[in-house]
Amino acid sequence: MADLDDQHYILFNVHSPERTPDPDVTRVYARYFAARQGRVVPDEAELIIRPYPDGTGRYRVEALTRTAP
């Protein structure tokens, strides 16, 4: 893995009222948002998907990123 100074988390919301978001689809979104910032989501990075407590079907996603090569 890259140097610790190079690691950052991106945070974004997903709306999925019927079920928990698919992790594979969520990873695609994480890679998209990271790329817009000149960063990458490593293959070994674990995504953290947490529901909002208000029951609206929104989920908070956290993904570890590093600077793109």
N, C-alpha and C. Protein backbone atom coordinates (compact mmCIF):
# COMPACT_ATOMS: atom_id res chain seq x y z
N MET A 1 0.84 -1.18 0.00
CA MET A 1 0.00 0.00 0.00
C MET A 1 0.89 1.24 0.00
N ALA A 2 0.35 2.34 -0.41
CA ALA A 2 1.10 3.58 -0.53
C ALA A 2 1.44 4.16 0.85
N ASP A 3 2.28 5.17 0.85
CA ASP A 3 2.65 5.87 2.07
C ASP A 3 1.39 6.40 2.76
N LEU A 4 1.40 6.41 4.09
CA LEU A 4 0.22 6.86 4.85
C LEU A 4 -0.16 8.30 4.54
N ASP A 5 0.82 9.14 4.23
CA ASP A 5 0.52 10.53 3.90
C ASP A 5 -0.27 10.65 2.60
N ASP A 6 -0.22 9.61 1.78
CA ASP A 6 -0.89 9.62 0.49
C ASP A 6 -2.32 9.07 0.56
N GLN A 7 -2.72 8.54 1.70
CA GLN A 7 -4.03 7.92 1.82
C GLN A 7 -5.08 8.91 2.34
N HIS A 8 -6.22 8.91 1.68
CA HIS A 8 -7.34 9.77 2.07
C HIS A 8 -8.63 9.00 1.86
N TYR A 9 -9.65 9.37 2.59
CA TYR A 9 -10.98 8.77 2.39
C TYR A 9 -11.83 9.72 1.55
N ILE A 10 -12.63 9.13 0.67
CA ILE A 10 -13.69 9.90 0.03
C ILE A 10 -14.99 9.43 0.67
N LEU A 11 -15.93 10.34 0.78
CA LEU A 11 -17.23 10.05 1.37
C LEU A 11 -18.30 10.45 0.37
N PHE A 12 -19.30 9.61 0.20
CA PHE A 12 -20.42 9.98 -0.66
C PHE A 12 -21.66 9.23 -0.20
N ASN A 13 -22.82 9.67 -0.66
CA ASN A 13 -24.10 9.08 -0.27
C ASN A 13 -24.68 8.26 -1.42
N VAL A 14 -25.37 7.20 -1.06
CA VAL A 14 -26.07 6.36 -2.03
C VAL A 14 -27.51 6.24 -1.54
N HIS A 15 -28.47 6.38 -2.45
CA HIS A 15 -29.87 6.20 -2.09
C HIS A 15 -30.35 4.86 -2.64
N SER A 16 -30.72 3.96 -1.75
CA SER A 16 -31.15 2.62 -2.13
C SER A 16 -32.23 2.17 -1.15
N PRO A 17 -33.48 2.64 -1.33
CA PRO A 17 -34.52 2.40 -0.33
C PRO A 17 -34.94 0.94 -0.17
N GLU A 18 -34.81 0.11 -1.20
CA GLU A 18 -35.31 -1.27 -1.10
C GLU A 18 -34.33 -2.22 -0.42
N ARG A 19 -33.02 -1.96 -0.56
CA ARG A 19 -32.03 -2.88 0.00
C ARG A 19 -30.68 -2.18 0.12
N THR A 20 -29.76 -2.84 0.82
CA THR A 20 -28.40 -2.32 0.94
C THR A 20 -27.77 -2.23 -0.45
N PRO A 21 -27.04 -1.17 -0.74
CA PRO A 21 -26.41 -1.03 -2.07
C PRO A 21 -25.47 -2.20 -2.37
N ASP A 22 -25.46 -2.60 -3.62
CA ASP A 22 -24.57 -3.67 -4.08
C ASP A 22 -23.12 -3.19 -3.95
N PRO A 23 -22.26 -3.93 -3.24
CA PRO A 23 -20.87 -3.50 -3.05
C PRO A 23 -20.09 -3.33 -4.35
N ASP A 24 -20.38 -4.15 -5.36
CA ASP A 24 -19.67 -4.02 -6.63
C ASP A 24 -20.03 -2.71 -7.33
N VAL A 25 -21.31 -2.37 -7.31
CA VAL A 25 -21.76 -1.12 -7.92
C VAL A 25 -21.22 0.07 -7.12
N THR A 26 -21.24 -0.05 -5.81
CA THR A 26 -20.72 1.01 -4.96
C THR A 26 -19.23 1.24 -5.22
N ARG A 27 -18.48 0.18 -5.46
CA ARG A 27 -17.05 0.31 -5.77
C ARG A 27 -16.85 1.07 -7.09
N VAL A 28 -17.72 0.83 -8.06
CA VAL A 28 -17.63 1.57 -9.33
C VAL A 28 -17.82 3.06 -9.08
N TYR A 29 -18.82 3.41 -8.27
CA TYR A 29 -19.04 4.82 -7.93
C TYR A 29 -17.83 5.40 -7.18
N ALA A 30 -17.28 4.63 -6.23
CA ALA A 30 -16.12 5.11 -5.48
C ALA A 30 -14.96 5.39 -6.41
N ARG A 31 -14.73 4.50 -7.36
CA ARG A 31 -13.63 4.71 -8.32
C ARG A 31 -13.89 5.93 -9.20
N TYR A 32 -15.13 6.14 -9.58
CA TYR A 32 -15.50 7.30 -10.39
C TYR A 32 -15.21 8.60 -9.62
N PHE A 33 -15.72 8.68 -8.38
CA PHE A 33 -15.52 9.89 -7.59
C PHE A 33 -14.04 10.12 -7.27
N ALA A 34 -13.31 9.05 -7.02
CA ALA A 34 -11.88 9.18 -6.75
C ALA A 34 -11.14 9.69 -7.98
N ALA A 35 -11.48 9.16 -9.15
CA ALA A 35 -10.82 9.57 -10.39
C ALA A 35 -11.05 11.05 -10.68
N ARG A 36 -12.21 11.55 -10.33
CA ARG A 36 -12.49 12.99 -10.53
C ARG A 36 -11.56 13.86 -9.70
N GLN A 37 -10.98 13.28 -8.66
CA GLN A 37 -10.06 14.02 -7.78
C GLN A 37 -8.60 13.63 -8.04
N GLY A 38 -8.35 12.86 -9.10
CA GLY A 38 -6.98 12.44 -9.41
C GLY A 38 -6.47 11.35 -8.48
N ARG A 39 -7.40 10.53 -7.97
CA ARG A 39 -7.05 9.50 -7.01
C ARG A 39 -7.57 8.15 -7.49
N VAL A 40 -7.15 7.08 -6.86
CA VAL A 40 -7.63 5.73 -7.18
C VAL A 40 -8.06 5.03 -5.90
N VAL A 41 -8.98 4.08 -6.04
CA VAL A 41 -9.38 3.20 -4.95
C VAL A 41 -8.65 1.88 -5.17
N PRO A 42 -7.71 1.53 -4.29
CA PRO A 42 -6.97 0.28 -4.48
C PRO A 42 -7.91 -0.93 -4.46
N ASP A 43 -7.54 -1.98 -5.19
CA ASP A 43 -8.36 -3.18 -5.24
C ASP A 43 -8.57 -3.79 -3.87
N GLU A 44 -7.57 -3.69 -3.00
CA GLU A 44 -7.68 -4.30 -1.68
C GLU A 44 -8.41 -3.42 -0.66
N ALA A 45 -8.79 -2.22 -1.05
CA ALA A 45 -9.48 -1.32 -0.12
C ALA A 45 -10.89 -1.82 0.18
N GLU A 46 -11.24 -1.79 1.45
CA GLU A 46 -12.57 -2.21 1.87
C GLU A 46 -13.48 -0.98 1.92
N LEU A 47 -14.65 -1.08 1.32
CA LEU A 47 -15.62 0.00 1.38
C LEU A 47 -16.43 -0.13 2.66
N ILE A 48 -16.70 0.98 3.29
CA ILE A 48 -17.53 0.99 4.49
C ILE A 48 -18.88 1.59 4.08
N ILE A 49 -19.94 0.80 4.20
CA ILE A 49 -21.28 1.23 3.81
C ILE A 49 -22.15 1.23 5.06
N ARG A 50 -22.63 2.41 5.45
CA ARG A 50 -23.43 2.55 6.67
C ARG A 50 -24.76 3.21 6.36
N PRO A 51 -25.85 2.67 6.90
CA PRO A 51 -27.15 3.33 6.69
C PRO A 51 -27.29 4.57 7.56
N TYR A 52 -28.00 5.56 7.05
CA TYR A 52 -28.36 6.70 7.87
C TYR A 52 -29.43 6.24 8.87
N PRO A 53 -29.44 6.76 10.08
CA PRO A 53 -30.39 6.30 11.09
C PRO A 53 -31.83 6.75 10.86
N ASP A 54 -32.06 7.62 9.89
CA ASP A 54 -33.42 8.15 9.69
C ASP A 54 -34.34 7.23 8.89
N GLY A 55 -33.82 6.10 8.39
CA GLY A 55 -34.66 5.14 7.68
C GLY A 55 -35.12 5.57 6.30
N THR A 56 -34.42 6.51 5.67
CA THR A 56 -34.83 7.01 4.36
C THR A 56 -34.24 6.21 3.20
N GLY A 57 -33.42 5.22 3.50
CA GLY A 57 -32.80 4.44 2.44
C GLY A 57 -31.50 5.03 1.94
N ARG A 58 -30.97 6.02 2.65
CA ARG A 58 -29.69 6.60 2.28
C ARG A 58 -28.57 5.87 3.02
N TYR A 59 -27.45 5.71 2.34
CA TYR A 59 -26.28 5.06 2.91
C TYR A 59 -25.07 5.97 2.73
N ARG A 60 -24.22 5.99 3.72
CA ARG A 60 -22.96 6.74 3.66
C ARG A 60 -21.87 5.74 3.29
N VAL A 61 -21.09 6.07 2.27
CA VAL A 61 -20.02 5.19 1.82
C VAL A 61 -18.68 5.88 2.05
N GLU A 62 -17.73 5.14 2.62
CA GLU A 62 -16.38 5.63 2.82
C GLU A 62 -15.44 4.70 2.07
N ALA A 63 -14.51 5.28 1.33
CA ALA A 63 -13.56 4.48 0.56
C ALA A 63 -12.17 5.09 0.69
N LEU A 64 -11.20 4.25 1.00
CA LEU A 64 -9.82 4.69 1.09
C LEU A 64 -9.27 4.90 -0.31
N THR A 65 -8.57 6.01 -0.52
CA THR A 65 -7.99 6.31 -1.83
C THR A 65 -6.52 6.66 -1.69
N ARG A 66 -5.84 6.69 -2.82
CA ARG A 66 -4.46 7.19 -2.87
C ARG A 66 -4.29 7.92 -4.21
N THR A 67 -3.20 8.66 -4.32
CA THR A 67 -2.93 9.42 -5.53
C THR A 67 -2.77 8.47 -6.71
N ALA A 68 -3.35 8.85 -7.83
CA ALA A 68 -3.26 8.02 -9.05
C ALA A 68 -1.81 8.00 -9.53
N PRO A 69 -1.38 6.83 -10.06
CA PRO A 69 0.01 6.75 -10.55
C PRO A 69 0.23 7.59 -11.79
